[in-house]
N, C-alpha and C. Protein backbone atom coordinates (compact mmCIF):
# COMPACT_ATOMS: atom_id res chain seq x y z
N MET A 1 -1.07 18.52 1.93
CA MET A 1 -0.15 17.39 2.44
C MET A 1 -1.19 16.86 3.76
N ARG A 2 -0.91 15.83 3.80
CA ARG A 2 -1.61 14.95 5.10
C ARG A 2 -0.80 14.87 6.23
N THR A 3 -0.95 14.60 7.47
CA THR A 3 -0.03 14.78 8.69
C THR A 3 0.19 13.34 8.95
N ASP A 4 1.54 13.13 9.48
CA ASP A 4 2.05 12.06 9.80
C ASP A 4 0.55 11.06 10.46
N ALA A 5 0.28 11.72 11.53
CA ALA A 5 -1.28 11.10 12.23
C ALA A 5 -2.11 10.40 11.56
N VAL A 6 -2.16 11.08 10.44
CA VAL A 6 -3.61 10.71 9.31
C VAL A 6 -2.83 9.50 8.82
N ILE A 7 -1.90 10.03 8.22
CA ILE A 7 -1.26 8.79 7.26
C ILE A 7 -1.13 7.67 8.14
N LYS A 8 -0.49 7.55 9.44
CA LYS A 8 -0.86 6.58 9.92
C LYS A 8 -2.17 5.88 10.59
N SER A 9 -3.13 6.54 10.85
CA SER A 9 -4.43 5.97 11.07
C SER A 9 -4.87 5.18 9.90
N GLU A 10 -4.95 6.08 8.42
CA GLU A 10 -5.13 5.43 7.48
C GLU A 10 -4.81 3.83 7.11
N GLY A 11 -2.91 3.89 7.65
CA GLY A 11 -2.72 2.59 7.38
C GLY A 11 -3.08 1.60 7.86
N PHE A 12 -3.21 2.03 9.38
CA PHE A 12 -3.88 1.01 9.96
C PHE A 12 -5.46 0.68 10.04
N ARG A 13 -5.97 1.46 9.18
CA ARG A 13 -7.10 1.05 8.76
C ARG A 13 -7.24 0.34 7.88
N ALA A 14 -6.60 0.56 6.32
CA ALA A 14 -6.18 -0.66 5.78
C ALA A 14 -5.69 -1.92 6.09
N LEU A 15 -4.83 -1.98 6.73
CA LEU A 15 -4.20 -3.07 7.20
C LEU A 15 -5.62 -4.00 7.93
N PHE A 16 -6.20 -3.24 9.26
CA PHE A 16 -7.24 -3.78 9.69
C PHE A 16 -8.86 -4.21 8.62
N GLU A 17 -8.69 -3.70 7.58
CA GLU A 17 -9.90 -4.47 6.65
C GLU A 17 -9.23 -5.62 6.16
N LYS A 18 -7.91 -5.69 6.07
CA LYS A 18 -7.62 -7.23 5.37
C LYS A 18 -6.96 -8.29 6.06
N MET A 19 -6.81 -7.75 7.44
CA MET A 19 -6.38 -9.15 8.56
C MET A 19 -6.91 -8.55 9.74
N ASP A 20 -6.39 -9.73 10.70
CA ASP A 20 -7.32 -9.39 11.67
C ASP A 20 -6.03 -8.65 12.76
N ALA A 21 -6.49 -8.59 14.03
CA ALA A 21 -5.49 -7.93 15.12
C ALA A 21 -4.05 -8.50 14.96
N VAL A 22 -4.18 -9.46 15.42
CA VAL A 22 -3.06 -10.51 15.48
C VAL A 22 -2.18 -10.49 14.24
N GLU A 23 -2.88 -10.71 12.89
CA GLU A 23 -1.99 -10.41 11.78
C GLU A 23 -1.19 -9.29 11.78
N VAL A 24 -2.04 -8.09 11.99
CA VAL A 24 -1.56 -6.75 11.98
C VAL A 24 -0.42 -6.64 13.09
N GLU A 25 -0.42 -7.14 13.85
CA GLU A 25 0.62 -7.17 15.04
C GLU A 25 1.85 -7.77 14.40
N ARG A 26 1.46 -8.90 13.85
CA ARG A 26 2.74 -9.71 13.46
C ARG A 26 3.59 -9.22 12.15
N PHE A 27 2.47 -8.28 11.43
CA PHE A 27 2.97 -7.64 10.25
C PHE A 27 3.79 -6.46 10.70
N ILE A 28 3.60 -6.10 11.91
CA ILE A 28 4.36 -4.90 12.11
C ILE A 28 5.51 -5.21 12.61
N LEU A 29 5.71 -6.31 13.48
CA LEU A 29 6.60 -7.22 14.20
C LEU A 29 7.84 -7.47 12.69
N LEU A 30 7.47 -8.15 11.77
CA LEU A 30 8.06 -8.41 10.61
C LEU A 30 8.81 -7.05 9.96
N LEU A 31 7.95 -6.22 10.21
CA LEU A 31 8.74 -5.04 9.21
C LEU A 31 9.81 -4.04 10.17
N LYS A 32 9.57 -4.68 11.46
CA LYS A 32 10.23 -4.02 12.73
C LYS A 32 11.90 -5.04 12.63
N ARG A 33 11.53 -5.97 12.66
CA ARG A 33 12.79 -7.07 12.94
C ARG A 33 13.53 -7.11 11.41
N GLU A 34 13.04 -7.27 10.14
CA GLU A 34 13.49 -7.31 8.95
C GLU A 34 14.45 -5.54 8.49
N ARG A 35 15.54 -5.93 8.25
CA ARG A 35 16.13 -4.36 7.41
C ARG A 35 15.54 -4.12 6.17
N PHE A 36 14.53 -3.46 6.14
CA PHE A 36 13.76 -3.13 5.21
C PHE A 36 13.95 -2.14 4.39
N ASP A 37 14.53 -1.66 3.41
CA ASP A 37 14.81 -0.81 2.55
C ASP A 37 13.72 -0.75 1.26
N TYR A 38 12.77 0.50 1.81
CA TYR A 38 11.67 0.60 1.02
C TYR A 38 11.91 1.20 -0.71
N THR A 39 12.99 2.22 -0.51
CA THR A 39 13.22 2.57 -1.40
C THR A 39 13.86 1.54 -2.72
N LEU A 40 14.79 0.59 -2.13
CA LEU A 40 15.42 -0.54 -3.20
C LEU A 40 14.21 -1.44 -3.45
N TRP A 41 13.14 -1.54 -2.54
CA TRP A 41 12.20 -2.34 -3.07
C TRP A 41 10.97 -1.97 -4.18
N ARG A 42 10.74 -0.39 -3.77
CA ARG A 42 10.08 0.45 -5.07
C ARG A 42 10.75 0.46 -6.13
N GLN A 43 12.05 0.05 -6.56
CA GLN A 43 13.18 0.34 -7.66
C GLN A 43 12.43 -0.81 -8.37
N SER A 44 12.21 -2.32 -7.85
CA SER A 44 12.55 -3.38 -8.40
C SER A 44 10.86 -3.88 -8.27
N LEU A 45 9.89 -3.32 -7.90
CA LEU A 45 8.85 -3.59 -7.56
C LEU A 45 7.91 -4.12 -8.84
N TRP A 46 7.91 -3.23 -9.58
CA TRP A 46 7.37 -3.17 -11.23
C TRP A 46 8.61 -3.29 -12.42
N GLU A 47 9.65 -3.73 -12.34
CA GLU A 47 10.52 -3.77 -13.20
C GLU A 47 10.56 -4.49 -14.36
N ASP A 48 9.45 -5.70 -14.47
CA ASP A 48 9.14 -6.16 -15.69
C ASP A 48 7.68 -6.30 -16.18
N MET A 49 7.42 -5.00 -15.39
CA MET A 49 5.89 -4.45 -16.62
C MET A 49 6.33 -3.11 -17.17
N THR A 50 5.69 -3.14 -18.20
CA THR A 50 5.77 -1.99 -19.07
C THR A 50 5.12 -1.01 -18.74
N VAL A 51 5.17 0.56 -19.02
CA VAL A 51 4.50 1.64 -18.31
C VAL A 51 2.63 1.35 -18.79
N GLU A 52 2.62 0.84 -20.36
CA GLU A 52 1.22 0.94 -20.59
C GLU A 52 0.38 -0.40 -19.48
N GLU A 53 1.17 -1.18 -19.17
CA GLU A 53 0.58 -2.31 -18.41
C GLU A 53 0.43 -1.90 -17.25
N LEU A 54 1.41 -1.30 -16.49
CA LEU A 54 1.11 -1.14 -14.97
C LEU A 54 -0.23 0.58 -15.18
N SER A 55 -0.11 1.14 -16.39
CA SER A 55 -1.16 2.15 -16.45
C SER A 55 -2.89 1.35 -16.69
N ARG A 56 -3.05 0.01 -17.25
CA ARG A 56 -3.96 -0.56 -17.43
C ARG A 56 -4.61 -1.03 -16.22
N ARG A 57 -3.42 -1.84 -15.44
CA ARG A 57 -3.97 -1.96 -13.97
C ARG A 57 -4.31 -1.13 -12.99
N ALA A 58 -3.68 -0.20 -13.19
CA ALA A 58 -3.92 1.32 -12.28
C ALA A 58 -5.40 1.11 -12.71
N MET A 59 -5.93 1.56 -13.93
CA MET A 59 -7.25 2.11 -13.92
C MET A 59 -7.90 0.88 -13.87
N ALA A 60 -7.90 -0.17 -14.22
CA ALA A 60 -8.79 -1.19 -13.60
C ALA A 60 -8.88 -1.32 -12.31
N HIS A 61 -7.76 -1.17 -11.55
CA HIS A 61 -8.24 -0.94 -9.97
C HIS A 61 -9.08 0.02 -9.46
N LEU A 62 -8.72 1.20 -10.28
CA LEU A 62 -9.45 2.51 -9.93
C LEU A 62 -11.26 2.02 -10.20
N THR A 63 -11.32 1.43 -11.49
CA THR A 63 -12.75 1.22 -11.40
C THR A 63 -13.61 0.03 -10.71
N GLU A 64 -12.10 -0.78 -10.31
CA GLU A 64 -13.28 -1.80 -9.18
C GLU A 64 -13.41 -1.34 -7.63
N VAL A 65 -12.34 -0.45 -7.34
CA VAL A 65 -12.74 -0.04 -5.99
C VAL A 65 -13.62 1.51 -5.95
N PRO A 66 -14.61 1.24 -5.18
CA PRO A 66 -15.52 2.62 -5.52
C PRO A 66 -14.95 3.47 -3.98
N GLY A 67 -14.62 4.49 -4.60
CA GLY A 67 -14.36 6.32 -3.89
C GLY A 67 -12.78 6.09 -3.82
N ASP A 68 -12.12 5.13 -4.46
CA ASP A 68 -10.21 5.63 -4.68
C ASP A 68 -10.07 6.38 -5.33
N GLY A 69 -10.85 6.32 -6.43
CA GLY A 69 -10.49 7.56 -7.75
C GLY A 69 -10.93 9.12 -7.56
N ASP A 70 -11.61 8.93 -6.10
CA ASP A 70 -12.22 10.63 -5.54
C ASP A 70 -11.17 11.51 -5.72
N ALA A 71 -11.38 12.77 -6.30
CA ALA A 71 -10.32 13.80 -6.00
C ALA A 71 -10.51 14.03 -4.58
N LYS A 72 -9.21 14.47 -3.62
CA LYS A 72 -9.01 14.67 -2.42
C LYS A 72 -8.64 16.17 -2.11
């Protein structure tokens, strides 16, 4: 299991790959400002998708992103 420090580091790295520093800061502020229930959000995230479709999308993503499918 990864430590909290490793998870935070990887999270920030992922954010900075897609956004610049100002956008990352805004993203963090938006999360802190809103009452965000991650568990509730996850429950409805893919509710309109079948397991098969979700699996197809996951496998497609796995083949598109080099290194993401490597065992850790």
